[in-house]
Amino acid sequence: MNWNHWMRQIHRWLSVVFTLTVVANFAAMTQGPPPPWVTYSPLPPLFLMLATGLYLFALPYISRRNVGRRPDASAAASSRPKVR
């Protein structure tokens, strides 16, 4: 498995953890004012999701830069019919 696959998996599982902490936060609010650790519990997975999400967002741009050109540009140019 490569690095990108692991990053996607981590991002997916962090989103599950984040969703569960938000649901737990709302459930705790129905019982009265929740303790601060419950209120702030969604923040660590959220910040980790921010980091992995930014990496995944930048991944196509980074891979294009490493190649040096867009992979579809030459294929699209050669497949177009020439108009006279």
N, C-alpha and C. Protein backbone atom coordinates (compact mmCIF):
# COMPACT_ATOMS: atom_id res chain seq x y z
N MET A 1 0.84 -1.18 0.00
CA MET A 1 0.00 0.00 0.00
C MET A 1 0.88 1.25 0.00
N ASN A 2 0.41 2.23 -0.72
CA ASN A 2 1.22 3.44 -0.80
C ASN A 2 0.74 4.50 0.19
N TRP A 3 1.48 5.56 0.24
CA TRP A 3 1.24 6.64 1.20
C TRP A 3 -0.11 7.30 0.98
N ASN A 4 -0.51 7.51 -0.28
CA ASN A 4 -1.77 8.18 -0.58
C ASN A 4 -2.96 7.36 -0.11
N HIS A 5 -2.87 6.04 -0.26
CA HIS A 5 -3.95 5.18 0.20
C HIS A 5 -4.11 5.28 1.72
N TRP A 6 -3.01 5.26 2.44
CA TRP A 6 -3.07 5.37 3.89
C TRP A 6 -3.64 6.72 4.32
N MET A 7 -3.28 7.77 3.61
CA MET A 7 -3.78 9.10 3.96
C MET A 7 -5.29 9.17 3.75
N ARG A 8 -5.79 8.57 2.68
CA ARG A 8 -7.24 8.54 2.44
C ARG A 8 -7.96 7.75 3.53
N GLN A 9 -7.39 6.60 3.91
CA GLN A 9 -8.01 5.79 4.95
C GLN A 9 -8.03 6.53 6.29
N ILE A 10 -6.94 7.18 6.62
CA ILE A 10 -6.88 7.95 7.87
C ILE A 10 -7.92 9.07 7.84
N HIS A 11 -8.04 9.74 6.71
CA HIS A 11 -9.01 10.83 6.58
C HIS A 11 -10.44 10.30 6.75
N ARG A 12 -10.73 9.15 6.16
CA ARG A 12 -12.08 8.57 6.28
C ARG A 12 -12.39 8.20 7.73
N TRP A 13 -11.45 7.55 8.40
CA TRP A 13 -11.71 7.15 9.78
C TRP A 13 -11.78 8.34 10.72
N LEU A 14 -10.99 9.37 10.43
CA LEU A 14 -11.09 10.59 11.24
C LEU A 14 -12.46 11.24 11.08
N SER A 15 -13.03 11.16 9.89
CA SER A 15 -14.37 11.73 9.70
C SER A 15 -15.40 10.96 10.50
N VAL A 16 -15.25 9.65 10.63
CA VAL A 16 -16.16 8.86 11.46
C VAL A 16 -16.01 9.25 12.92
N VAL A 17 -14.78 9.37 13.39
CA VAL A 17 -14.53 9.76 14.79
C VAL A 17 -15.08 11.17 15.05
N PHE A 18 -14.86 12.08 14.11
CA PHE A 18 -15.36 13.44 14.27
C PHE A 18 -16.89 13.45 14.36
N THR A 19 -17.54 12.71 13.49
CA THR A 19 -19.00 12.65 13.51
C THR A 19 -19.51 12.09 14.83
N LEU A 20 -18.88 11.05 15.33
CA LEU A 20 -19.30 10.47 16.61
C LEU A 20 -19.10 11.43 17.77
N THR A 21 -18.02 12.19 17.75
CA THR A 21 -17.80 13.15 18.83
C THR A 21 -18.81 14.30 18.78
N VAL A 22 -19.20 14.70 17.57
CA VAL A 22 -20.22 15.75 17.46
C VAL A 22 -21.57 15.24 17.95
N VAL A 23 -21.92 14.01 17.59
CA VAL A 23 -23.17 13.42 18.07
C VAL A 23 -23.14 13.29 19.59
N ALA A 24 -22.02 12.85 20.14
CA ALA A 24 -21.91 12.74 21.60
C ALA A 24 -22.01 14.11 22.25
N ASN A 25 -21.48 15.12 21.60
CA ASN A 25 -21.54 16.48 22.13
C ASN A 25 -23.00 16.94 22.21
N PHE A 26 -23.77 16.72 21.14
CA PHE A 26 -25.18 17.11 21.16
C PHE A 26 -25.97 16.29 22.18
N ALA A 27 -25.64 15.02 22.32
CA ALA A 27 -26.32 14.19 23.31
C ALA A 27 -26.01 14.67 24.72
N ALA A 28 -24.79 15.10 24.96
CA ALA A 28 -24.42 15.60 26.27
C ALA A 28 -25.09 16.94 26.57
N MET A 29 -25.35 17.73 25.53
CA MET A 29 -26.01 19.02 25.73
C MET A 29 -27.47 18.87 26.15
N THR A 30 -28.07 17.75 25.83
CA THR A 30 -29.46 17.55 26.26
C THR A 30 -29.55 17.29 27.76
N GLN A 31 -28.46 16.90 28.37
CA GLN A 31 -28.43 16.60 29.80
C GLN A 31 -28.07 17.82 30.65
N GLY A 32 -27.84 18.93 30.01
CA GLY A 32 -27.43 20.13 30.72
C GLY A 32 -26.11 20.61 30.16
N PRO A 33 -25.48 21.55 30.82
CA PRO A 33 -24.19 22.03 30.31
C PRO A 33 -23.13 20.92 30.38
N PRO A 34 -22.53 20.60 29.24
CA PRO A 34 -21.53 19.52 29.26
C PRO A 34 -20.20 20.00 29.81
N PRO A 35 -19.38 19.08 30.29
CA PRO A 35 -18.04 19.47 30.75
C PRO A 35 -17.19 19.93 29.55
N PRO A 36 -16.18 20.71 29.82
CA PRO A 36 -15.36 21.24 28.72
C PRO A 36 -14.71 20.16 27.85
N TRP A 37 -14.32 19.04 28.42
CA TRP A 37 -13.66 18.02 27.61
C TRP A 37 -14.62 17.43 26.58
N VAL A 38 -15.92 17.42 26.88
CA VAL A 38 -16.89 16.94 25.89
C VAL A 38 -17.09 18.01 24.82
N THR A 39 -17.13 19.25 25.24
CA THR A 39 -17.35 20.34 24.29
C THR A 39 -16.21 20.43 23.29
N TYR A 40 -14.99 20.26 23.75
CA TYR A 40 -13.82 20.41 22.88
C TYR A 40 -13.34 19.09 22.26
N SER A 41 -14.02 18.00 22.52
CA SER A 41 -13.58 16.71 21.98
C SER A 41 -13.61 16.61 20.46
N PRO A 42 -14.48 17.32 19.73
CA PRO A 42 -14.40 17.23 18.26
C PRO A 42 -13.20 17.95 17.64
N LEU A 43 -12.53 18.79 18.39
CA LEU A 43 -11.46 19.59 17.80
C LEU A 43 -10.22 18.80 17.36
N PRO A 44 -9.70 17.85 18.15
CA PRO A 44 -8.52 17.11 17.66
C PRO A 44 -8.76 16.36 16.34
N PRO A 45 -9.87 15.60 16.21
CA PRO A 45 -10.07 14.97 14.89
C PRO A 45 -10.29 15.99 13.78
N LEU A 46 -10.90 17.12 14.11
CA LEU A 46 -11.13 18.15 13.10
C LEU A 46 -9.81 18.72 12.58
N PHE A 47 -8.87 19.00 13.47
CA PHE A 47 -7.58 19.53 13.04
C PHE A 47 -6.78 18.50 12.25
N LEU A 48 -6.87 17.22 12.66
CA LEU A 48 -6.20 16.17 11.90
C LEU A 48 -6.84 16.00 10.52
N MET A 49 -8.17 16.14 10.45
CA MET A 49 -8.85 16.08 9.16
C MET A 49 -8.45 17.26 8.28
N LEU A 50 -8.22 18.40 8.89
CA LEU A 50 -7.76 19.56 8.13
C LEU A 50 -6.41 19.26 7.48
N ALA A 51 -5.50 18.68 8.24
CA ALA A 51 -4.17 18.37 7.71
C ALA A 51 -4.25 17.33 6.60
N THR A 52 -4.98 16.24 6.82
CA THR A 52 -5.07 15.21 5.79
C THR A 52 -5.87 15.70 4.59
N GLY A 53 -6.88 16.51 4.82
CA GLY A 53 -7.68 17.05 3.72
C GLY A 53 -6.88 18.00 2.85
N LEU A 54 -6.05 18.83 3.46
CA LEU A 54 -5.19 19.72 2.68
C LEU A 54 -4.18 18.94 1.85
N TYR A 55 -3.66 17.87 2.43
CA TYR A 55 -2.73 17.02 1.68
C TYR A 55 -3.45 16.39 0.48
N LEU A 56 -4.64 15.85 0.71
CA LEU A 56 -5.38 15.22 -0.38
C LEU A 56 -5.81 16.24 -1.42
N PHE A 57 -6.10 17.46 -1.00
CA PHE A 57 -6.48 18.51 -1.94
C PHE A 57 -5.30 18.89 -2.83
N ALA A 58 -4.12 18.97 -2.25
CA ALA A 58 -2.94 19.40 -3.00
C ALA A 58 -2.32 18.27 -3.81
N LEU A 59 -2.71 17.05 -3.57
CA LEU A 59 -2.08 15.90 -4.23
C LEU A 59 -2.12 15.96 -5.75
N PRO A 60 -3.23 16.28 -6.40
CA PRO A 60 -3.20 16.35 -7.87
C PRO A 60 -2.26 17.43 -8.40
N TYR A 61 -2.18 18.55 -7.70
CA TYR A 61 -1.31 19.63 -8.14
C TYR A 61 0.16 19.27 -7.96
N ILE A 62 0.45 18.58 -6.89
CA ILE A 62 1.84 18.15 -6.64
C ILE A 62 2.26 17.11 -7.67
N SER A 63 1.38 16.17 -7.99
CA SER A 63 1.74 15.14 -8.96
C SER A 63 1.89 15.73 -10.35
N ARG A 64 1.11 16.75 -10.71
CA ARG A 64 1.28 17.40 -12.02
C ARG A 64 2.62 18.10 -12.10
N ARG A 65 3.02 18.72 -11.01
CA ARG A 65 4.30 19.44 -11.00
C ARG A 65 5.45 18.46 -11.16
N ASN A 66 5.34 17.28 -10.53
CA ASN A 66 6.41 16.29 -10.64
C ASN A 66 6.52 15.72 -12.05
N VAL A 67 5.41 15.60 -12.75
CA VAL A 67 5.44 15.08 -14.10
C VAL A 67 6.00 16.13 -15.06
N GLY A 68 5.67 17.39 -14.83
CA GLY A 68 6.19 18.45 -15.66
C GLY A 68 5.19 18.94 -16.68
N ARG A 69 4.14 18.19 -16.92
CA ARG A 69 3.09 18.62 -17.83
C ARG A 69 1.82 17.88 -17.47
N ARG A 70 0.72 18.37 -17.99
CA ARG A 70 -0.54 17.69 -17.72
C ARG A 70 -0.60 16.42 -18.56
N PRO A 71 -1.00 15.31 -17.98
CA PRO A 71 -1.01 14.06 -18.73
C PRO A 71 -2.06 14.03 -19.84
N ASP A 72 -3.17 14.76 -19.71
CA ASP A 72 -4.23 14.71 -20.71
C ASP A 72 -4.05 15.74 -21.81
N ALA A 73 -3.13 16.65 -21.69
CA ALA A 73 -3.00 17.74 -22.66
C ALA A 73 -2.58 17.22 -24.03
N SER A 74 -1.60 16.35 -24.09
CA SER A 74 -1.14 15.87 -25.39
C SER A 74 -2.14 14.90 -26.01
N ALA A 75 -2.79 14.09 -25.19
CA ALA A 75 -3.78 13.15 -25.70
C ALA A 75 -5.01 13.87 -26.24
N ALA A 76 -5.42 14.92 -25.57
CA ALA A 76 -6.58 15.68 -26.02
C ALA A 76 -6.27 16.43 -27.30
N ALA A 77 -5.06 16.94 -27.45
CA ALA A 77 -4.69 17.69 -28.64
C ALA A 77 -4.59 16.78 -29.85
N SER A 78 -4.10 15.56 -29.68
CA SER A 78 -3.95 14.68 -30.81
C SER A 78 -5.26 14.03 -31.23
N SER A 79 -6.25 13.94 -30.35
CA SER A 79 -7.51 13.30 -30.69
C SER A 79 -8.52 14.25 -31.30
N ARG A 80 -8.25 15.56 -31.26
CA ARG A 80 -9.17 16.53 -31.86
C ARG A 80 -9.03 16.54 -33.36
N PRO A 81 -10.16 16.60 -34.07
CA PRO A 81 -10.05 16.72 -35.53
C PRO A 81 -9.59 18.13 -35.90
N LYS A 82 -8.81 18.21 -36.94
CA LYS A 82 -8.30 19.50 -37.38
C LYS A 82 -9.34 20.18 -38.28
N VAL A 83 -9.59 21.43 -37.99
CA VAL A 83 -10.57 22.21 -38.75
C VAL A 83 -9.81 23.12 -39.69
N ARG A 84 -10.23 23.14 -40.96
CA ARG A 84 -9.57 24.02 -41.93
C ARG A 84 -10.43 25.15 -42.32
